[in-house]
Amino acid sequence: MALHLRFLPLNHFDAGHKKCPAGPVIQGQVDRVATKNKCLFVFSNDIKRARAAVTAPCVHYIDPGEVEIRHSFNEVHPIGDSHEVARDLAALTMCHDLITTCGTFGVMAAMLHAGNGSTYWWPQDPGLKTWKHYRLAQAWVPYA
């Protein structure tokens, strides 16, 4: 089971572009599907914040590699080797169950998801309005 947890810059929220789930909502979904026998792999642009926001009986936080803080947006952004980005996308597409929050990266992983479990997504994210009409996306399970 995997979670893609994107932390967007504050200016996205101030402009009303994204309404992403907060920590308690995400944790609630993790609590519903995570077990001791089903480890959670957490992928995030800000793994330090992810460690503070989400926990599970069996959890692994995947290091995104080298990051920088983009001060104009106050956002942690991975800048490491492209192999790390490809690794993360491939892992998200192959996991049994996938939980996505906001952001294009998680949506692309959900569209390519080949796991035999479910894809849980955040339906209030305005960025997903066009994606949820695709036949593949109609199998996704909305949460919160």
C-alpha atoms as a PDB file:
ATOM      1  CA  MET A   1       0.000   0.000   0.000  1.00  0.00           C
ATOM      2  CA  ALA A   2       1.310   3.447  -0.862  1.00  0.00           C
ATOM      3  CA  LEU A   3       0.473   7.052  -0.120  1.00  0.00           C
ATOM      4  CA  HIS A   4       1.471   9.985  -2.293  1.00  0.00           C
ATOM      5  CA  LEU A   5       1.388  12.980   0.051  1.00  0.00           C
ATOM      6  CA  ARG A   6       2.015  16.240  -1.772  1.00  0.00           C
ATOM      7  CA  PHE A   7       2.563  19.341   0.287  1.00  0.00           C
ATOM      8  CA  LEU A   8       1.624  22.310  -1.886  1.00  0.00           C
ATOM      9  CA  PRO A   9       2.939  25.837  -1.368  1.00  0.00           C
ATOM     10  CA  LEU A  10       0.756  28.203   0.623  1.00  0.00           C
ATOM     11  CA  ASN A  11       0.110  30.437  -2.378  1.00  0.00           C
ATOM     12  CA  HIS A  12      -1.940  27.607  -3.938  1.00  0.00           C
ATOM     13  CA  PHE A  13      -4.294  27.680  -0.984  1.00  0.00           C
ATOM     14  CA  ASP A  14      -4.377  31.474  -0.750  1.00  0.00           C
ATOM     15  CA  ALA A  15      -5.432  31.662  -4.409  1.00  0.00           C
ATOM     16  CA  GLY A  16      -8.030  28.922  -3.902  1.00  0.00           C
ATOM     17  CA  HIS A  17      -6.410  26.635  -6.495  1.00  0.00           C
ATOM     18  CA  LYS A  18      -6.144  23.567  -4.318  1.00  0.00           C
ATOM     19  CA  LYS A  19      -8.131  22.318  -1.386  1.00  0.00           C
ATOM     20  CA  CYS A  20      -6.123  19.364  -0.248  1.00  0.00           C
ATOM     21  CA  PRO A  21      -6.923  17.046   2.638  1.00  0.00           C
ATOM     22  CA  ALA A  22      -5.385  17.906   5.965  1.00  0.00           C
ATOM     23  CA  GLY A  23      -3.380  15.519   8.130  1.00  0.00           C
ATOM     24  CA  PRO A  24      -6.338  14.151  10.161  1.00  0.00           C
ATOM     25  CA  VAL A  25      -8.335  13.341   7.011  1.00  0.00           C
ATOM     26  CA  ILE A  26      -5.406  11.520   5.424  1.00  0.00           C
ATOM     27  CA  GLN A  27      -4.618   9.722   8.677  1.00  0.00           C
ATOM     28  CA  GLY A  28      -8.246   8.633   8.903  1.00  0.00           C
ATOM     29  CA  GLN A  29      -8.059   7.029   5.454  1.00  0.00           C
ATOM     30  CA  VAL A  30      -4.750   5.361   6.306  1.00  0.00           C
ATOM     31  CA  ASP A  31      -6.301   4.026   9.523  1.00  0.00           C
ATOM     32  CA  ARG A  32      -9.165   2.495   7.510  1.00  0.00           C
ATOM     33  CA  VAL A  33      -6.920   0.530   5.144  1.00  0.00           C
ATOM     34  CA  ALA A  34      -3.560   0.026   6.903  1.00  0.00           C
ATOM     35  CA  THR A  35      -2.832  -3.062   8.988  1.00  0.00           C
ATOM     36  CA  LYS A  36       0.198  -4.710  10.558  1.00  0.00           C
ATOM     37  CA  ASN A  37       0.233  -7.126   7.626  1.00  0.00           C
ATOM     38  CA  LYS A  38      -0.052  -4.395   5.007  1.00  0.00           C
ATOM     39  CA  CYS A  39       2.852  -1.943   5.140  1.00  0.00           C
ATOM     40  CA  LEU A  40       2.368   1.641   4.041  1.00  0.00           C
ATOM     41  CA  PHE A  41       5.008   3.246   1.824  1.00  0.00           C
ATOM     42  CA  VAL A  42       4.836   7.036   1.998  1.00  0.00           C
ATOM     43  CA  PHE A  43       6.129   9.116  -0.917  1.00  0.00           C
ATOM     44  CA  SER A  44       6.225  12.890  -0.525  1.00  0.00           C
ATOM     45  CA  ASN A  45       7.968  16.032  -1.686  1.00  0.00           C
ATOM     46  CA  ASP A  46       8.520  16.853   2.015  1.00  0.00           C
ATOM     47  CA  ILE A  47       9.252  13.598   3.813  1.00  0.00           C
ATOM     48  CA  LYS A  48       9.917  15.357   7.140  1.00  0.00           C
ATOM     49  CA  ARG A  49       6.387  16.766   7.188  1.00  0.00           C
ATOM     50  CA  ALA A  50       5.020  13.420   6.003  1.00  0.00           C
ATOM     51  CA  ARG A  51       6.630  11.663   8.982  1.00  0.00           C
ATOM     52  CA  ALA A  52       4.844  14.088  11.324  1.00  0.00           C
ATOM     53  CA  ALA A  53       1.505  13.874   9.485  1.00  0.00           C
ATOM     54  CA  VAL A  54       0.970  10.152   8.898  1.00  0.00           C
ATOM     55  CA  THR A  55       1.701   6.948  10.755  1.00  0.00           C
ATOM     56  CA  ALA A  56       0.642   3.313  10.465  1.00  0.00           C
ATOM     57  CA  PRO A  57       1.335  -0.013  12.222  1.00  0.00           C
ATOM     58  CA  CYS A  58       3.903  -0.770   9.501  1.00  0.00           C
ATOM     59  CA  VAL A  59       5.197   2.293   7.634  1.00  0.00           C
ATOM     60  CA  HIS A  60       8.193   3.185   5.474  1.00  0.00           C
ATOM     61  CA  TYR A  61       8.949   6.767   4.456  1.00  0.00           C
ATOM     62  CA  ILE A  62      10.686   6.879   1.088  1.00  0.00           C
ATOM     63  CA  ASP A  63      13.422   9.491   0.792  1.00  0.00           C
ATOM     64  CA  PRO A  64      12.740  11.662  -2.291  1.00  0.00           C
ATOM     65  CA  GLY A  65      16.442  12.376  -2.692  1.00  0.00           C
ATOM     66  CA  GLU A  66      17.946  15.849  -2.815  1.00  0.00           C
ATOM     67  CA  VAL A  67      15.449  18.672  -2.264  1.00  0.00           C
ATOM     68  CA  GLU A  68      15.510  22.449  -2.213  1.00  0.00           C
ATOM     69  CA  ILE A  69      13.197  24.996  -0.654  1.00  0.00           C
ATOM     70  CA  ARG A  70      11.781  27.284  -3.289  1.00  0.00           C
ATOM     71  CA  HIS A  71      11.510  30.451  -1.271  1.00  0.00           C
ATOM     72  CA  SER A  72       9.220  32.226  -3.723  1.00  0.00           C
ATOM     73  CA  PHE A  73       6.578  29.608  -2.921  1.00  0.00           C
ATOM     74  CA  ASN A  74       7.961  28.255   0.374  1.00  0.00           C
ATOM     75  CA  GLU A  75       7.755  24.736  -1.045  1.00  0.00           C
ATOM     76  CA  VAL A  76      10.033  21.746  -0.669  1.00  0.00           C
ATOM     77  CA  HIS A  77      10.819  20.533  -4.172  1.00  0.00           C
ATOM     78  CA  PRO A  78      12.790  17.387  -5.137  1.00  0.00           C
ATOM     79  CA  ILE A  79      15.742  18.234  -7.384  1.00  0.00           C
ATOM     80  CA  GLY A  80      17.640  14.973  -7.223  1.00  0.00           C
ATOM     81  CA  ASP A  81      18.379  12.399  -9.870  1.00  0.00           C
ATOM     82  CA  SER A  82      15.553  11.726 -12.330  1.00  0.00           C
ATOM     83  CA  HIS A  83      15.920   8.032 -11.465  1.00  0.00           C
ATOM     84  CA  GLU A  84      14.491   8.753  -8.006  1.00  0.00           C
ATOM     85  CA  VAL A  85      11.419  10.405  -9.534  1.00  0.00           C
ATOM     86  CA  ALA A  86      10.964   7.479 -11.945  1.00  0.00           C
ATOM     87  CA  ARG A  87      11.405   5.024  -9.056  1.00  0.00           C
ATOM     88  CA  ASP A  88       8.725   6.779  -7.022  1.00  0.00           C
ATOM     89  CA  LEU A  89       6.231   6.880  -9.894  1.00  0.00           C
ATOM     90  CA  ALA A  90       6.845   3.217 -10.731  1.00  0.00           C
ATOM     91  CA  ALA A  91       6.401   2.171  -7.094  1.00  0.00           C
ATOM     92  CA  LEU A  92       3.153   4.119  -6.798  1.00  0.00           C
ATOM     93  CA  THR A  93       1.760   2.475  -9.922  1.00  0.00           C
ATOM     94  CA  MET A  94       2.639  -1.037  -8.720  1.00  0.00           C
ATOM     95  CA  CYS A  95       1.452  -0.951  -5.109  1.00  0.00           C
ATOM     96  CA  HIS A  96      -1.600  -2.949  -4.043  1.00  0.00           C
ATOM     97  CA  ASP A  97      -3.620   0.010  -2.745  1.00  0.00           C
ATOM     98  CA  LEU A  98      -2.873   3.643  -3.542  1.00  0.00           C
ATOM     99  CA  ILE A  99      -3.924   6.766  -1.644  1.00  0.00           C
ATOM    100  CA  THR A 100      -3.395  10.076  -3.423  1.00  0.00           C
ATOM    101  CA  THR A 101      -3.796  13.599  -2.147  1.00  0.00           C
ATOM    102  CA  CYS A 102      -3.295  16.615  -4.404  1.00  0.00           C
ATOM    103  CA  GLY A 103      -0.975  17.150  -7.308  1.00  0.00           C
ATOM    104  CA  THR A 104      -0.394  15.936 -10.828  1.00  0.00           C
ATOM    105  CA  PHE A 105       2.223  13.358  -9.814  1.00  0.00           C
ATOM    106  CA  GLY A 106      -0.258  11.433  -7.668  1.00  0.00           C
ATOM    107  CA  VAL A 107      -2.953  11.699 -10.338  1.00  0.00           C
ATOM    108  CA  MET A 108      -0.604  10.270 -12.973  1.00  0.00           C
ATOM    109  CA  ALA A 109       0.309   7.425 -10.633  1.00  0.00           C
ATOM    110  CA  ALA A 110      -3.392   6.753 -10.058  1.00  0.00           C
ATOM    111  CA  MET A 111      -4.099   6.738 -13.805  1.00  0.00           C
ATOM    112  CA  LEU A 112      -1.302   4.208 -14.327  1.00  0.00           C
ATOM    113  CA  HIS A 113      -2.075   2.191 -11.185  1.00  0.00           C
ATOM    114  CA  ALA A 114      -1.729  -1.502 -11.960  1.00  0.00           C
ATOM    115  CA  GLY A 115      -2.204  -2.820  -8.440  1.00  0.00           C
ATOM    116  CA  ASN A 116      -4.966  -5.263  -7.689  1.00  0.00           C
ATOM    117  CA  GLY A 117      -6.308  -3.146  -4.850  1.00  0.00           C
ATOM    118  CA  SER A 118      -8.063   0.212  -4.773  1.00  0.00           C
ATOM    119  CA  THR A 119      -7.092   3.771  -5.581  1.00  0.00           C
ATOM    120  CA  TYR A 120      -8.337   6.223  -2.968  1.00  0.00           C
ATOM    121  CA  TRP A 121      -8.528   9.849  -4.015  1.00  0.00           C
ATOM    122  CA  TRP A 122      -9.607  13.238  -2.745  1.00  0.00           C
ATOM    123  CA  PRO A 123     -12.712  14.268  -4.738  1.00  0.00           C
ATOM    124  CA  GLN A 124     -12.746  17.860  -3.448  1.00  0.00           C
ATOM    125  CA  ASP A 125      -9.472  18.602  -5.270  1.00  0.00           C
ATOM    126  CA  PRO A 126     -10.544  20.943  -8.112  1.00  0.00           C
ATOM    127  CA  GLY A 127      -7.579  19.755 -10.172  1.00  0.00           C
ATOM    128  CA  LEU A 128      -9.164  16.298 -10.499  1.00  0.00           C
ATOM    129  CA  LYS A 129     -12.463  17.446 -11.996  1.00  0.00           C
ATOM    130  CA  THR A 130     -11.361  16.572 -15.530  1.00  0.00           C
ATOM    131  CA  TRP A 131      -9.636  13.314 -14.579  1.00  0.00           C
ATOM    132  CA  LYS A 132     -12.506  11.724 -12.670  1.00  0.00           C
ATOM    133  CA  HIS A 133     -14.592  11.456 -15.856  1.00  0.00           C
ATOM    134  CA  TYR A 134     -12.131   9.074 -17.489  1.00  0.00           C
ATOM    135  CA  ARG A 135     -13.256   5.468 -17.464  1.00  0.00           C
ATOM    136  CA  LEU A 136     -10.183   4.336 -15.540  1.00  0.00           C
ATOM    137  CA  ALA A 137     -10.720   6.994 -12.877  1.00  0.00           C
ATOM    138  CA  GLN A 138     -14.320   5.931 -12.345  1.00  0.00           C
ATOM    139  CA  ALA A 139     -13.006   2.877 -10.474  1.00  0.00           C
ATOM    140  CA  TRP A 140     -11.304   5.080  -7.882  1.00  0.00           C
ATOM    141  CA  VAL A 141     -12.719   5.152  -4.352  1.00  0.00           C
ATOM    142  CA  PRO A 142     -13.338   8.670  -2.991  1.00  0.00           C
ATOM    143  CA  TYR A 143     -12.445   9.331   0.613  1.00  0.00           C
ATOM    144  CA  ALA A 144     -13.568  11.987   3.115  1.00  0.00           C
END
